[in-house]
Amino acid sequence: MTLQRRILILATAVALLAAVCVLAVLRASSRADEKDRARAGGPQITRGEFSLAPGDGGRRIVFRNMAWGPHRDELATVAAGAPEGTRTASGVSCLRFHAAGGTGICLRADRSGVQEGYRAVVLDARLKEVSAHSLGGVPTRARVSPGGHLAAWTVFVGGDSYAGADFSTRTSVLDLRTGRLEASLEDFTILKDGKPYRAADVNFWGVTFTADERAFYATLATGGRTHLVRGDLAARTVTTLRENVECPSLSPDGTRLAFKKRVPGLPAEAPWRLHVLDLASGAETPLGEERSVDDQVVWIDDRTVAYALPGDFGADLYALPADGSGAPARLMDSALAPAFLG
């Protein structure tokens, strides 16, 4: 055996030994992180399987786990009646998520190419991939219709915050029954103040679907103002209803929209307060959360909404009465993008 070959064998052995040592350190570090969280009173997490199907597993919350450790960013679940209980982590990672009617939409990073991108992945009730669609920007909002047949998502194409005016979004709607993808709501006909409207600065975000899965509400921004719109999927139209409504979320009974509203006098970087709009009367009710909420809330039931605020590990979830009474209550630590199922 030549000296050169001996040196090559020795170098290979050293490299393999180094790799084994690094792997051992990483595994030990993960175990230590979990032990540290347990000592600090952080959420307990186990690996397991669960379903998105209605009625399968009782009333529960499925969400993006934000706790540090090996299961960070994975979809996890807890019983709705015990939100601080042990979490079951799925192994499926998402940046944004929503689910209804046995269907999930998962907006995730895509590292399969040379450059990192993003995909919208439709999940079945067992969290298996049904279809995937490339995204042209950074994920920010996701929604599934009550019956599970429609999915919508919004990405930032330019900018990364709704607080200022220097951003651009793209919102898509997918019909899972036909496979038809509306790549951008900007292709829909806009009826503003009863007349067709076109402008180069149009942006949409924050879709919420009606129970019949024929219509939706969303935010339209143009000319420095935001508008609540109602969309008709068959006619491919959106109609403006009122100003200063962002990220609407339709109540389970279909009578109210929870939304964030810009309030004059608040800081430019934190301008919103949560309100609820009664669709029949047009009355707006400010909710009892005094902090600025940059989220599309979800309804826990017809009386309570949930939303995320920044936390020590990225985000925490809070619950709040939807009638303007009461005060916010912390629902879950280290959690984001919840869906209330069952």
C-alpha atoms as a PDB file:
ATOM      1  CA  MET A   1       0.000   0.000   0.000  1.00  0.00           C
ATOM      2  CA  THR A   2       1.421   3.360  -1.002  1.00  0.00           C
ATOM      3  CA  LEU A   3       1.978   6.212   1.442  1.00  0.00           C
ATOM      4  CA  GLN A   4      -0.525   8.360  -0.450  1.00  0.00           C
ATOM      5  CA  ARG A   5      -3.239   5.710  -0.089  1.00  0.00           C
ATOM      6  CA  ARG A   6      -2.520   5.340   3.641  1.00  0.00           C
ATOM      7  CA  ILE A   7      -2.865   9.081   4.119  1.00  0.00           C
ATOM      8  CA  LEU A   8      -6.191   9.058   2.212  1.00  0.00           C
ATOM      9  CA  ILE A   9      -7.565   6.231   4.383  1.00  0.00           C
ATOM     10  CA  LEU A  10      -6.467   8.032   7.558  1.00  0.00           C
ATOM     11  CA  ALA A  11      -8.060  11.304   6.428  1.00  0.00           C
ATOM     12  CA  THR A  12     -11.338   9.530   5.615  1.00  0.00           C
ATOM     13  CA  ALA A  13     -11.392   7.836   9.017  1.00  0.00           C
ATOM     14  CA  VAL A  14     -10.759  11.140  10.791  1.00  0.00           C
ATOM     15  CA  ALA A  15     -13.590  12.807   8.830  1.00  0.00           C
ATOM     16  CA  LEU A  16     -16.046  10.007   9.694  1.00  0.00           C
ATOM     17  CA  LEU A  17     -15.066  10.159  13.359  1.00  0.00           C
ATOM     18  CA  ALA A  18     -15.589  13.918  13.386  1.00  0.00           C
ATOM     19  CA  ALA A  19     -19.033  13.529  11.811  1.00  0.00           C
ATOM     20  CA  VAL A  20     -20.041  10.956  14.433  1.00  0.00           C
ATOM     21  CA  CYS A  21     -18.876  13.284  17.213  1.00  0.00           C
ATOM     22  CA  VAL A  22     -20.854  16.220  15.798  1.00  0.00           C
ATOM     23  CA  LEU A  23     -24.003  14.085  15.513  1.00  0.00           C
ATOM     24  CA  ALA A  24     -23.594  12.910  19.099  1.00  0.00           C
ATOM     25  CA  VAL A  25     -23.190  16.480  20.325  1.00  0.00           C
ATOM     26  CA  LEU A  26     -26.298  17.614  18.422  1.00  0.00           C
ATOM     27  CA  ARG A  27     -28.392  14.771  19.832  1.00  0.00           C
ATOM     28  CA  ALA A  28     -27.154  15.466  23.346  1.00  0.00           C
ATOM     29  CA  SER A  29     -27.907  19.148  22.871  1.00  0.00           C
ATOM     30  CA  SER A  30     -31.477  18.375  21.748  1.00  0.00           C
ATOM     31  CA  ARG A  31     -32.029  16.146  24.788  1.00  0.00           C
ATOM     32  CA  ALA A  32     -30.573  18.841  27.029  1.00  0.00           C
ATOM     33  CA  ASP A  33     -32.874  21.454  25.471  1.00  0.00           C
ATOM     34  CA  GLU A  34     -35.892  19.286  26.190  1.00  0.00           C
ATOM     35  CA  LYS A  35     -34.768  18.723  29.795  1.00  0.00           C
ATOM     36  CA  ASP A  36     -34.154  22.453  30.240  1.00  0.00           C
ATOM     37  CA  ARG A  37     -37.656  23.230  28.932  1.00  0.00           C
ATOM     38  CA  ALA A  38     -39.142  20.704  31.309  1.00  0.00           C
ATOM     39  CA  ARG A  39     -37.295  22.225  34.268  1.00  0.00           C
ATOM     40  CA  ALA A  40     -38.348  25.719  33.166  1.00  0.00           C
ATOM     41  CA  GLY A  41     -41.996  24.692  32.916  1.00  0.00           C
ATOM     42  CA  GLY A  42     -42.094  24.790  29.105  1.00  0.00           C
ATOM     43  CA  PRO A  43     -44.511  22.688  27.040  1.00  0.00           C
ATOM     44  CA  GLN A  44     -44.045  18.936  27.074  1.00  0.00           C
ATOM     45  CA  ILE A  45     -43.908  17.473  23.561  1.00  0.00           C
ATOM     46  CA  THR A  46     -44.092  13.906  22.296  1.00  0.00           C
ATOM     47  CA  ARG A  47     -43.905  12.534  18.760  1.00  0.00           C
ATOM     48  CA  GLY A  48     -47.094  10.972  17.446  1.00  0.00           C
ATOM     49  CA  GLU A  49     -49.824  10.876  14.816  1.00  0.00           C
ATOM     50  CA  PHE A  50     -53.134  12.703  14.727  1.00  0.00           C
ATOM     51  CA  SER A  51     -55.942  13.540  12.322  1.00  0.00           C
ATOM     52  CA  LEU A  52     -57.533  16.685  10.912  1.00  0.00           C
ATOM     53  CA  ALA A  53     -60.821  14.882  10.295  1.00  0.00           C
ATOM     54  CA  PRO A  54     -63.939  16.357  11.960  1.00  0.00           C
ATOM     55  CA  GLY A  55     -64.885  14.431  15.087  1.00  0.00           C
ATOM     56  CA  ASP A  56     -61.688  12.356  15.049  1.00  0.00           C
ATOM     57  CA  GLY A  57     -59.994  12.835  18.410  1.00  0.00           C
ATOM     58  CA  GLY A  58     -62.491  15.177  20.047  1.00  0.00           C
ATOM     59  CA  ARG A  59     -62.319  18.952  20.261  1.00  0.00           C
ATOM     60  CA  ARG A  60     -58.687  19.937  19.701  1.00  0.00           C
ATOM     61  CA  ILE A  61     -56.279  22.625  18.551  1.00  0.00           C
ATOM     62  CA  VAL A  62     -53.768  22.033  15.751  1.00  0.00           C
ATOM     63  CA  PHE A  63     -51.063  24.673  15.455  1.00  0.00           C
ATOM     64  CA  ARG A  64     -47.455  25.467  14.575  1.00  0.00           C
ATOM     65  CA  ASN A  65     -45.315  24.605  17.590  1.00  0.00           C
ATOM     66  CA  MET A  66     -42.898  27.460  18.354  1.00  0.00           C
ATOM     67  CA  ALA A  67     -41.143  25.929  21.371  1.00  0.00           C
ATOM     68  CA  TRP A  68     -37.395  25.474  20.922  1.00  0.00           C
ATOM     69  CA  GLY A  69     -36.186  21.938  20.386  1.00  0.00           C
ATOM     70  CA  PRO A  70     -36.399  19.154  17.818  1.00  0.00           C
ATOM     71  CA  HIS A  71     -40.107  19.746  17.130  1.00  0.00           C
ATOM     72  CA  ARG A  72     -39.989  23.513  16.546  1.00  0.00           C
ATOM     73  CA  ASP A  73     -42.135  24.612  13.547  1.00  0.00           C
ATOM     74  CA  GLU A  74     -43.910  21.237  13.397  1.00  0.00           C
ATOM     75  CA  LEU A  75     -47.683  20.935  13.407  1.00  0.00           C
ATOM     76  CA  ALA A  76     -48.745  19.832  16.864  1.00  0.00           C
ATOM     77  CA  THR A  77     -52.016  19.240  18.663  1.00  0.00           C
ATOM     78  CA  VAL A  78     -53.478  19.454  22.156  1.00  0.00           C
ATOM     79  CA  ALA A  79     -56.946  18.960  23.562  1.00  0.00           C
ATOM     80  CA  ALA A  80     -58.913  22.212  23.327  1.00  0.00           C
ATOM     81  CA  GLY A  81     -59.912  21.812  26.961  1.00  0.00           C
ATOM     82  CA  ALA A  82     -56.268  21.513  28.073  1.00  0.00           C
ATOM     83  CA  PRO A  83     -54.262  23.876  25.829  1.00  0.00           C
ATOM     84  CA  GLU A  84     -51.214  23.803  28.105  1.00  0.00           C
ATOM     85  CA  GLY A  85     -51.160  20.005  28.176  1.00  0.00           C
ATOM     86  CA  THR A  86     -48.670  17.691  26.493  1.00  0.00           C
ATOM     87  CA  ARG A  87     -48.340  18.421  22.786  1.00  0.00           C
ATOM     88  CA  THR A  88     -48.289  15.731  20.129  1.00  0.00           C
ATOM     89  CA  ALA A  89     -45.921  16.746  17.318  1.00  0.00           C
ATOM     90  CA  SER A  90     -46.482  15.420  13.805  1.00  0.00           C
ATOM     91  CA  GLY A  91     -43.107  15.797  12.100  1.00  0.00           C
ATOM     92  CA  VAL A  92     -44.776  18.018   9.446  1.00  0.00           C
ATOM     93  CA  SER A  93     -43.261  21.517   9.405  1.00  0.00           C
ATOM     94  CA  CYS A  94     -45.199  24.641   8.380  1.00  0.00           C
ATOM     95  CA  LEU A  95     -44.664  28.379   8.567  1.00  0.00           C
ATOM     96  CA  ARG A  96     -48.362  29.148   8.172  1.00  0.00           C
ATOM     97  CA  PHE A  97     -51.224  26.700   8.597  1.00  0.00           C
ATOM     98  CA  HIS A  98     -54.981  26.370   8.727  1.00  0.00           C
ATOM     99  CA  ALA A  99     -57.400  23.456   8.546  1.00  0.00           C
ATOM    100  CA  ALA A 100     -61.128  22.749   8.296  1.00  0.00           C
ATOM    101  CA  GLY A 101     -63.344  19.975   6.973  1.00  0.00           C
ATOM    102  CA  GLY A 102     -60.529  17.408   7.069  1.00  0.00           C
ATOM    103  CA  THR A 103     -58.230  19.504   4.831  1.00  0.00           C
ATOM    104  CA  GLY A 104     -55.105  21.402   5.825  1.00  0.00           C
ATOM    105  CA  ILE A 105     -53.065  24.053   4.032  1.00  0.00           C
ATOM    106  CA  CYS A 106     -49.394  24.244   4.988  1.00  0.00           C
ATOM    107  CA  LEU A 107     -47.153  27.056   3.741  1.00  0.00           C
ATOM    108  CA  ARG A 108     -43.588  25.854   4.125  1.00  0.00           C
ATOM    109  CA  ALA A 109     -40.017  26.483   3.106  1.00  0.00           C
ATOM    110  CA  ASP A 110     -38.822  24.564   0.044  1.00  0.00           C
ATOM    111  CA  ARG A 111     -35.105  23.752   0.181  1.00  0.00           C
ATOM    112  CA  SER A 112     -35.060  21.325  -2.742  1.00  0.00           C
ATOM    113  CA  GLY A 113     -33.528  23.832  -5.175  1.00  0.00           C
ATOM    114  CA  VAL A 114     -30.366  25.880  -5.277  1.00  0.00           C
ATOM    115  CA  GLN A 115     -32.154  28.792  -3.613  1.00  0.00           C
ATOM    116  CA  GLU A 116     -34.676  28.492  -0.814  1.00  0.00           C
ATOM    117  CA  GLY A 117     -38.261  29.060  -1.904  1.00  0.00           C
ATOM    118  CA  TYR A 118     -41.713  28.350  -0.516  1.00  0.00           C
ATOM    119  CA  ARG A 119     -44.608  26.018  -1.320  1.00  0.00           C
ATOM    120  CA  ALA A 120     -48.274  25.791  -0.466  1.00  0.00           C
ATOM    121  CA  VAL A 121     -48.953  22.146   0.388  1.00  0.00           C
ATOM    122  CA  VAL A 122     -52.478  20.758   0.647  1.00  0.00           C
ATOM    123  CA  LEU A 123     -52.729  18.105   3.380  1.00  0.00           C
ATOM    124  CA  ASP A 124     -55.319  15.401   3.797  1.00  0.00           C
ATOM    125  CA  ALA A 125     -56.809  14.435   7.140  1.00  0.00           C
ATOM    126  CA  ARG A 126     -53.734  12.308   7.969  1.00  0.00           C
ATOM    127  CA  LEU A 127     -51.344  15.173   7.135  1.00  0.00           C
ATOM    128  CA  LYS A 128     -50.262  13.512   3.885  1.00  0.00           C
ATOM    129  CA  GLU A 129     -49.445  15.743   0.920  1.00  0.00           C
ATOM    130  CA  VAL A 130     -52.225  15.925  -1.672  1.00  0.00           C
ATOM    131  CA  SER A 131     -50.772  18.623  -3.927  1.00  0.00           C
ATOM    132  CA  ALA A 132     -48.142  21.360  -3.819  1.00  0.00           C
ATOM    133  CA  HIS A 133     -47.892  24.769  -5.452  1.00  0.00           C
ATOM    134  CA  SER A 134     -44.863  27.039  -5.729  1.00  0.00           C
ATOM    135  CA  LEU A 135     -45.136  30.402  -3.995  1.00  0.00           C
ATOM    136  CA  GLY A 136     -43.769  33.636  -5.394  1.00  0.00           C
ATOM    137  CA  GLY A 137     -43.022  35.194  -2.028  1.00  0.00           C
ATOM    138  CA  VAL A 138     -42.855  34.834   1.755  1.00  0.00           C
ATOM    139  CA  PRO A 139     -45.905  33.145   3.376  1.00  0.00           C
ATOM    140  CA  THR A 140     -48.090  35.353   5.553  1.00  0.00           C
ATOM    141  CA  ARG A 141     -51.751  34.168   5.587  1.00  0.00           C
ATOM    142  CA  ALA A 142     -53.570  30.845   5.003  1.00  0.00           C
ATOM    143  CA  ARG A 143     -57.206  29.731   5.192  1.00  0.00           C
ATOM    144  CA  VAL A 144     -59.371  26.684   4.422  1.00  0.00           C
ATOM    145  CA  SER A 145     -63.119  26.918   3.821  1.00  0.00           C
ATOM    146  CA  PRO A 146     -65.452  25.350   6.428  1.00  0.00           C
ATOM    147  CA  GLY A 147     -66.197  22.347   4.212  1.00  0.00           C
ATOM    148  CA  GLY A 148     -62.545  21.769   3.345  1.00  0.00           C
ATOM    149  CA  HIS A 149     -63.001  22.245  -0.422  1.00  0.00           C
ATOM    150  CA  LEU A 150     -61.263  25.609  -0.867  1.00  0.00           C
ATOM    151  CA  ALA A 151     -57.885  26.905   0.268  1.00  0.00           C
ATOM    152  CA  ALA A 152     -56.409  30.392   0.107  1.00  0.00           C
ATOM    153  CA  TRP A 153     -52.997  31.810   0.858  1.00  0.00           C
ATOM    154  CA  THR A 154     -51.217  35.161   0.760  1.00  0.00           C
ATOM    155  CA  VAL A 155     -47.513  35.875   0.314  1.00  0.00           C
ATOM    156  CA  PHE A 156     -45.394  39.000   0.495  1.00  0.00           C
ATOM    157  CA  VAL A 157     -43.950  39.583  -2.974  1.00  0.00           C
ATOM    158  CA  GLY A 158     -42.280  42.787  -1.798  1.00  0.00           C
ATOM    159  CA  GLY A 159     -41.787  44.013   1.757  1.00  0.00           C
ATOM    160  CA  ASP A 160     -42.445  42.031   4.923  1.00  0.00           C
ATOM    161  CA  SER A 161     -44.948  44.011   6.989  1.00  0.00           C
ATOM    162  CA  TYR A 162     -48.495  45.325   6.652  1.00  0.00           C
ATOM    163  CA  ALA A 163     -47.714  48.291   8.904  1.00  0.00           C
ATOM    164  CA  GLY A 164     -46.291  50.543   6.182  1.00  0.00           C
ATOM    165  CA  ALA A 165     -47.229  51.230   2.581  1.00  0.00           C
ATOM    166  CA  ASP A 166     -44.155  49.750   0.910  1.00  0.00           C
ATOM    167  CA  PHE A 167     -45.264  46.161   0.342  1.00  0.00           C
ATOM    168  CA  SER A 168     -46.872  43.994  -2.300  1.00  0.00           C
ATOM    169  CA  THR A 169     -48.885  40.806  -1.810  1.00  0.00           C
ATOM    170  CA  ARG A 170     -50.292  38.030  -3.938  1.00  0.00           C
ATOM    171  CA  THR A 171     -53.336  36.043  -2.834  1.00  0.00           C
ATOM    172  CA  SER A 172     -54.355  32.739  -4.444  1.00  0.00           C
ATOM    173  CA  VAL A 173     -57.453  30.548  -4.137  1.00  0.00           C
ATOM    174  CA  LEU A 174     -57.472  26.814  -4.914  1.00  0.00           C
ATOM    175  CA  ASP A 175     -60.643  24.789  -5.531  1.00  0.00           C
ATOM    176  CA  LEU A 176     -59.804  21.249  -4.435  1.00  0.00           C
ATOM    177  CA  ARG A 177     -62.900  19.819  -6.132  1.00  0.00           C
ATOM    178  CA  THR A 178     -61.822  20.896  -9.615  1.00  0.00           C
ATOM    179  CA  GLY A 179     -58.120  21.626  -9.158  1.00  0.00           C
ATOM    180  CA  ARG A 180     -58.675  25.161 -10.456  1.00  0.00           C
ATOM    181  CA  LEU A 181     -56.117  27.613  -9.080  1.00  0.00           C
ATOM    182  CA  GLU A 182     -56.850  31.330  -9.110  1.00  0.00           C
ATOM    183  CA  ALA A 183     -53.211  32.414  -9.005  1.00  0.00           C
ATOM    184  CA  SER A 184     -54.018  35.997  -8.021  1.00  0.00           C
ATOM    185  CA  LEU A 185     -57.182  37.748  -6.893  1.00  0.00           C
ATOM    186  CA  GLU A 186     -55.874  40.754  -8.816  1.00  0.00           C
ATOM    187  CA  ASP A 187     -57.238  38.990 -11.916  1.00  0.00           C
ATOM    188  CA  PHE A 188     -60.794  39.316 -10.562  1.00  0.00           C
ATOM    189  CA  THR A 189     -63.042  42.205 -11.629  1.00  0.00           C
ATOM    190  CA  ILE A 190     -63.134  44.838  -8.886  1.00  0.00           C
ATOM    191  CA  LEU A 191     -66.393  46.698  -8.264  1.00  0.00           C
ATOM    192  CA  LYS A 192     -65.598  49.752  -6.153  1.00  0.00           C
ATOM    193  CA  ASP A 193     -68.409  52.106  -5.209  1.00  0.00           C
ATOM    194  CA  GLY A 194     -70.576  50.278  -7.748  1.00  0.00           C
ATOM    195  CA  LYS A 195     -68.211  50.790 -10.688  1.00  0.00           C
ATOM    196  CA  PRO A 196     -65.458  48.683 -12.285  1.00  0.00           C
ATOM    197  CA  TYR A 197     -62.082  49.679 -10.868  1.00  0.00           C
ATOM    198  CA  ARG A 198     -58.499  49.090 -11.992  1.00  0.00           C
ATOM    199  CA  ALA A 199     -55.239  50.360 -10.503  1.00  0.00           C
ATOM    200  CA  ALA A 200     -51.595  49.319 -10.523  1.00  0.00           C
ATOM    201  CA  ASP A 201     -51.324  49.392  -6.719  1.00  0.00           C
ATOM    202  CA  VAL A 202     -54.063  46.828  -5.941  1.00  0.00           C
ATOM    203  CA  ASN A 203     -53.216  44.251  -3.262  1.00  0.00           C
ATOM    204  CA  PHE A 204     -55.340  41.555  -1.613  1.00  0.00           C
ATOM    205  CA  TRP A 205     -54.833  39.553   1.583  1.00  0.00           C
ATOM    206  CA  GLY A 206     -56.658  37.839   4.429  1.00  0.00           C
ATOM    207  CA  VAL A 207     -59.283  35.607   2.768  1.00  0.00           C
ATOM    208  CA  THR A 208     -62.074  34.080   4.862  1.00  0.00           C
ATOM    209  CA  PHE A 209     -64.694  31.805   3.228  1.00  0.00           C
ATOM    210  CA  THR A 210     -68.453  31.576   3.678  1.00  0.00           C
ATOM    211  CA  ALA A 211     -69.992  28.293   4.797  1.00  0.00           C
ATOM    212  CA  ASP A 212     -71.535  27.617   1.361  1.00  0.00           C
ATOM    213  CA  GLU A 213     -68.023  27.865  -0.166  1.00  0.00           C
ATOM    214  CA  ARG A 214     -69.288  30.135  -2.947  1.00  0.00           C
ATOM    215  CA  ALA A 215     -68.080  33.460  -1.593  1.00  0.00           C
ATOM    216  CA  PHE A 216     -65.369  34.975   0.546  1.00  0.00           C
ATOM    217  CA  TYR A 217     -64.355  38.157   2.309  1.00  0.00           C
ATOM    218  CA  ALA A 218     -60.886  39.684   2.067  1.00  0.00           C
ATOM    219  CA  THR A 219     -58.918  42.920   2.320  1.00  0.00           C
ATOM    220  CA  LEU A 220     -58.276  45.086  -0.740  1.00  0.00           C
ATOM    221  CA  ALA A 221     -55.666  47.847  -0.526  1.00  0.00           C
ATOM    222  CA  THR A 222     -55.407  50.615  -3.096  1.00  0.00           C
ATOM    223  CA  GLY A 223     -54.774  54.339  -3.085  1.00  0.00           C
ATOM    224  CA  GLY A 224     -53.411  54.253   0.449  1.00  0.00           C
ATOM    225  CA  ARG A 225     -56.650  52.816   1.881  1.00  0.00           C
ATOM    226  CA  THR A 226     -57.861  49.359   2.823  1.00  0.00           C
ATOM    227  CA  HIS A 227     -61.331  48.007   2.003  1.00  0.00           C
ATOM    228  CA  LEU A 228     -63.397  45.024   3.044  1.00  0.00           C
ATOM    229  CA  VAL A 229     -64.498  43.165  -0.078  1.00  0.00           C
ATOM    230  CA  ARG A 230     -66.895  40.302  -0.696  1.00  0.00           C
ATOM    231  CA  GLY A 231     -65.824  37.985  -3.478  1.00  0.00           C
ATOM    232  CA  ASP A 232     -67.888  35.787  -5.776  1.00  0.00           C
ATOM    233  CA  LEU A 233     -65.856  32.802  -6.968  1.00  0.00           C
ATOM    234  CA  ALA A 234     -68.157  31.860  -9.851  1.00  0.00           C
ATOM    235  CA  ALA A 235     -68.429  35.401 -11.216  1.00  0.00           C
ATOM    236  CA  ARG A 236     -64.769  36.169 -10.416  1.00  0.00           C
ATOM    237  CA  THR A 237     -65.683  39.538  -8.914  1.00  0.00           C
ATOM    238  CA  VAL A 238     -64.925  41.358  -5.679  1.00  0.00           C
ATOM    239  CA  THR A 239     -67.128  44.165  -4.381  1.00  0.00           C
ATOM    240  CA  THR A 240     -66.012  46.776  -1.844  1.00  0.00           C
ATOM    241  CA  LEU A 241     -68.186  47.041   1.272  1.00  0.00           C
ATOM    242  CA  ARG A 242     -66.463  49.448   3.670  1.00  0.00           C
ATOM    243  CA  GLU A 243     -63.087  51.001   4.461  1.00  0.00           C
ATOM    244  CA  ASN A 244     -60.453  50.254   7.105  1.00  0.00           C
ATOM    245  CA  VAL A 245     -60.999  46.523   7.493  1.00  0.00           C
ATOM    246  CA  GLU A 246     -57.985  44.193   7.418  1.00  0.00           C
ATOM    247  CA  CYS A 247     -57.649  40.419   7.774  1.00  0.00           C
ATOM    248  CA  PRO A 248     -61.361  39.613   8.214  1.00  0.00           C
ATOM    249  CA  SER A 249     -62.393  36.336   9.821  1.00  0.00           C
ATOM    250  CA  LEU A 250     -65.986  35.139   9.486  1.00  0.00           C
ATOM    251  CA  SER A 251     -67.707  33.805  12.605  1.00  0.00           C
ATOM    252  CA  PRO A 252     -68.963  30.182  12.586  1.00  0.00           C
ATOM    253  CA  ASP A 253     -72.575  31.390  12.413  1.00  0.00           C
ATOM    254  CA  GLY A 254     -71.734  33.656   9.452  1.00  0.00           C
ATOM    255  CA  THR A 255     -73.105  36.827  11.045  1.00  0.00           C
ATOM    256  CA  ARG A 256     -69.941  38.694  12.078  1.00  0.00           C
ATOM    257  CA  LEU A 257     -66.437  39.468  10.933  1.00  0.00           C
ATOM    258  CA  ALA A 258     -63.547  39.886  13.353  1.00  0.00           C
ATOM    259  CA  PHE A 259     -60.829  42.109  11.902  1.00  0.00           C
ATOM    260  CA  LYS A 260     -57.969  44.452  12.693  1.00  0.00           C
ATOM    261  CA  LYS A 261     -58.570  48.175  12.227  1.00  0.00           C
ATOM    262  CA  ARG A 262     -56.107  51.054  11.984  1.00  0.00           C
ATOM    263  CA  VAL A 263     -56.793  53.551  14.742  1.00  0.00           C
ATOM    264  CA  PRO A 264     -55.617  57.170  14.329  1.00  0.00           C
ATOM    265  CA  GLY A 265     -53.007  58.267  16.835  1.00  0.00           C
ATOM    266  CA  LEU A 266     -51.391  54.871  17.325  1.00  0.00           C
ATOM    267  CA  PRO A 267     -47.715  54.299  16.387  1.00  0.00           C
ATOM    268  CA  ALA A 268     -47.099  53.649  12.688  1.00  0.00           C
ATOM    269  CA  GLU A 269     -45.458  50.310  13.437  1.00  0.00           C
ATOM    270  CA  ALA A 270     -48.329  49.152  15.691  1.00  0.00           C
ATOM    271  CA  PRO A 271     -51.503  50.795  14.347  1.00  0.00           C
ATOM    272  CA  TRP A 272     -54.193  48.109  14.795  1.00  0.00           C
ATOM    273  CA  ARG A 273     -56.950  47.285  17.258  1.00  0.00           C
ATOM    274  CA  LEU A 274     -59.267  44.286  17.024  1.00  0.00           C
ATOM    275  CA  HIS A 275     -62.936  44.888  16.185  1.00  0.00           C
ATOM    276  CA  VAL A 276     -65.986  42.810  15.253  1.00  0.00           C
ATOM    277  CA  LEU A 277     -68.373  43.881  12.487  1.00  0.00           C
ATOM    278  CA  ASP A 278     -72.033  42.854  12.571  1.00  0.00           C
ATOM    279  CA  LEU A 279     -72.833  42.173   8.908  1.00  0.00           C
ATOM    280  CA  ALA A 280     -76.565  42.837   9.239  1.00  0.00           C
ATOM    281  CA  SER A 281     -76.450  46.156  11.076  1.00  0.00           C
ATOM    282  CA  GLY A 282     -72.980  47.388  10.084  1.00  0.00           C
ATOM    283  CA  ALA A 283     -72.163  48.098  13.742  1.00  0.00           C
ATOM    284  CA  GLU A 284     -68.526  47.796  14.814  1.00  0.00           C
ATOM    285  CA  THR A 285     -67.539  46.661  18.302  1.00  0.00           C
ATOM    286  CA  PRO A 286     -64.000  47.270  19.601  1.00  0.00           C
ATOM    287  CA  LEU A 287     -62.645  44.269  21.504  1.00  0.00           C
ATOM    288  CA  GLY A 288     -60.897  44.292  24.859  1.00  0.00           C
ATOM    289  CA  GLU A 289     -57.333  43.873  23.547  1.00  0.00           C
ATOM    290  CA  GLU A 290     -55.345  47.101  23.880  1.00  0.00           C
ATOM    291  CA  ARG A 291     -52.230  45.797  22.122  1.00  0.00           C
ATOM    292  CA  SER A 292     -51.735  46.020  18.373  1.00  0.00           C
ATOM    293  CA  VAL A 293     -52.534  42.648  16.777  1.00  0.00           C
ATOM    294  CA  ASP A 294     -51.044  41.897  13.359  1.00  0.00           C
ATOM    295  CA  ASP A 295     -52.796  38.586  12.767  1.00  0.00           C
ATOM    296  CA  GLN A 296     -55.854  37.111  11.111  1.00  0.00           C
ATOM    297  CA  VAL A 297     -57.797  35.912  14.118  1.00  0.00           C
ATOM    298  CA  VAL A 298     -59.614  32.586  14.260  1.00  0.00           C
ATOM    299  CA  TRP A 299     -62.900  31.905  15.998  1.00  0.00           C
ATOM    300  CA  ILE A 300     -62.771  29.346  18.800  1.00  0.00           C
ATOM    301  CA  ASP A 301     -66.581  29.348  18.831  1.00  0.00           C
ATOM    302  CA  ASP A 302     -69.330  31.929  18.215  1.00  0.00           C
ATOM    303  CA  ARG A 303     -68.338  33.824  21.365  1.00  0.00           C
ATOM    304  CA  THR A 304     -64.528  33.811  21.423  1.00  0.00           C
ATOM    305  CA  VAL A 305     -61.641  34.621  19.091  1.00  0.00           C
ATOM    306  CA  ALA A 306     -57.975  33.627  19.237  1.00  0.00           C
ATOM    307  CA  TYR A 307     -54.908  35.387  17.858  1.00  0.00           C
ATOM    308  CA  ALA A 308     -51.126  35.541  18.142  1.00  0.00           C
ATOM    309  CA  LEU A 309     -48.877  38.159  19.685  1.00  0.00           C
ATOM    310  CA  PRO A 310     -45.070  38.195  19.812  1.00  0.00           C
ATOM    311  CA  GLY A 311     -43.638  35.986  22.567  1.00  0.00           C
ATOM    312  CA  ASP A 312     -40.310  34.799  23.942  1.00  0.00           C
ATOM    313  CA  PHE A 313     -40.040  32.048  21.306  1.00  0.00           C
ATOM    314  CA  GLY A 314     -41.758  33.824  18.416  1.00  0.00           C
ATOM    315  CA  ALA A 315     -45.461  33.900  19.280  1.00  0.00           C
ATOM    316  CA  ASP A 316     -48.012  33.105  21.974  1.00  0.00           C
ATOM    317  CA  LEU A 317     -51.757  32.624  21.550  1.00  0.00           C
ATOM    318  CA  TYR A 318     -54.464  34.602  23.332  1.00  0.00           C
ATOM    319  CA  ALA A 319     -58.249  34.219  23.622  1.00  0.00           C
ATOM    320  CA  LEU A 320     -60.707  37.113  23.817  1.00  0.00           C
ATOM    321  CA  PRO A 321     -64.517  37.527  24.060  1.00  0.00           C
ATOM    322  CA  ALA A 322     -65.959  38.628  20.698  1.00  0.00           C
ATOM    323  CA  ASP A 323     -68.636  40.914  22.171  1.00  0.00           C
ATOM    324  CA  GLY A 324     -66.291  43.621  23.493  1.00  0.00           C
ATOM    325  CA  SER A 325     -66.478  42.464  27.097  1.00  0.00           C
ATOM    326  CA  GLY A 326     -63.707  40.974  29.199  1.00  0.00           C
ATOM    327  CA  ALA A 327     -59.963  41.016  28.748  1.00  0.00           C
ATOM    328  CA  PRO A 328     -57.522  38.857  26.796  1.00  0.00           C
ATOM    329  CA  ALA A 329     -56.315  35.629  28.379  1.00  0.00           C
ATOM    330  CA  ARG A 330     -53.164  33.771  27.427  1.00  0.00           C
ATOM    331  CA  LEU A 331     -54.243  30.545  25.716  1.00  0.00           C
ATOM    332  CA  MET A 332     -50.952  28.884  24.801  1.00  0.00           C
ATOM    333  CA  ASP A 333     -47.252  29.678  24.974  1.00  0.00           C
ATOM    334  CA  SER A 334     -44.966  29.190  21.970  1.00  0.00           C
ATOM    335  CA  ALA A 335     -47.708  28.585  19.392  1.00  0.00           C
ATOM    336  CA  LEU A 336     -48.905  30.116  16.120  1.00  0.00           C
ATOM    337  CA  ALA A 337     -51.510  29.623  13.373  1.00  0.00           C
ATOM    338  CA  PRO A 338     -54.126  27.606  15.280  1.00  0.00           C
ATOM    339  CA  ALA A 339     -57.059  25.693  13.872  1.00  0.00           C
ATOM    340  CA  PHE A 340     -59.843  24.590  16.232  1.00  0.00           C
ATOM    341  CA  LEU A 341     -61.182  21.221  15.106  1.00  0.00           C
ATOM    342  CA  GLY A 342     -63.743  18.699  16.239  1.00  0.00           C
END
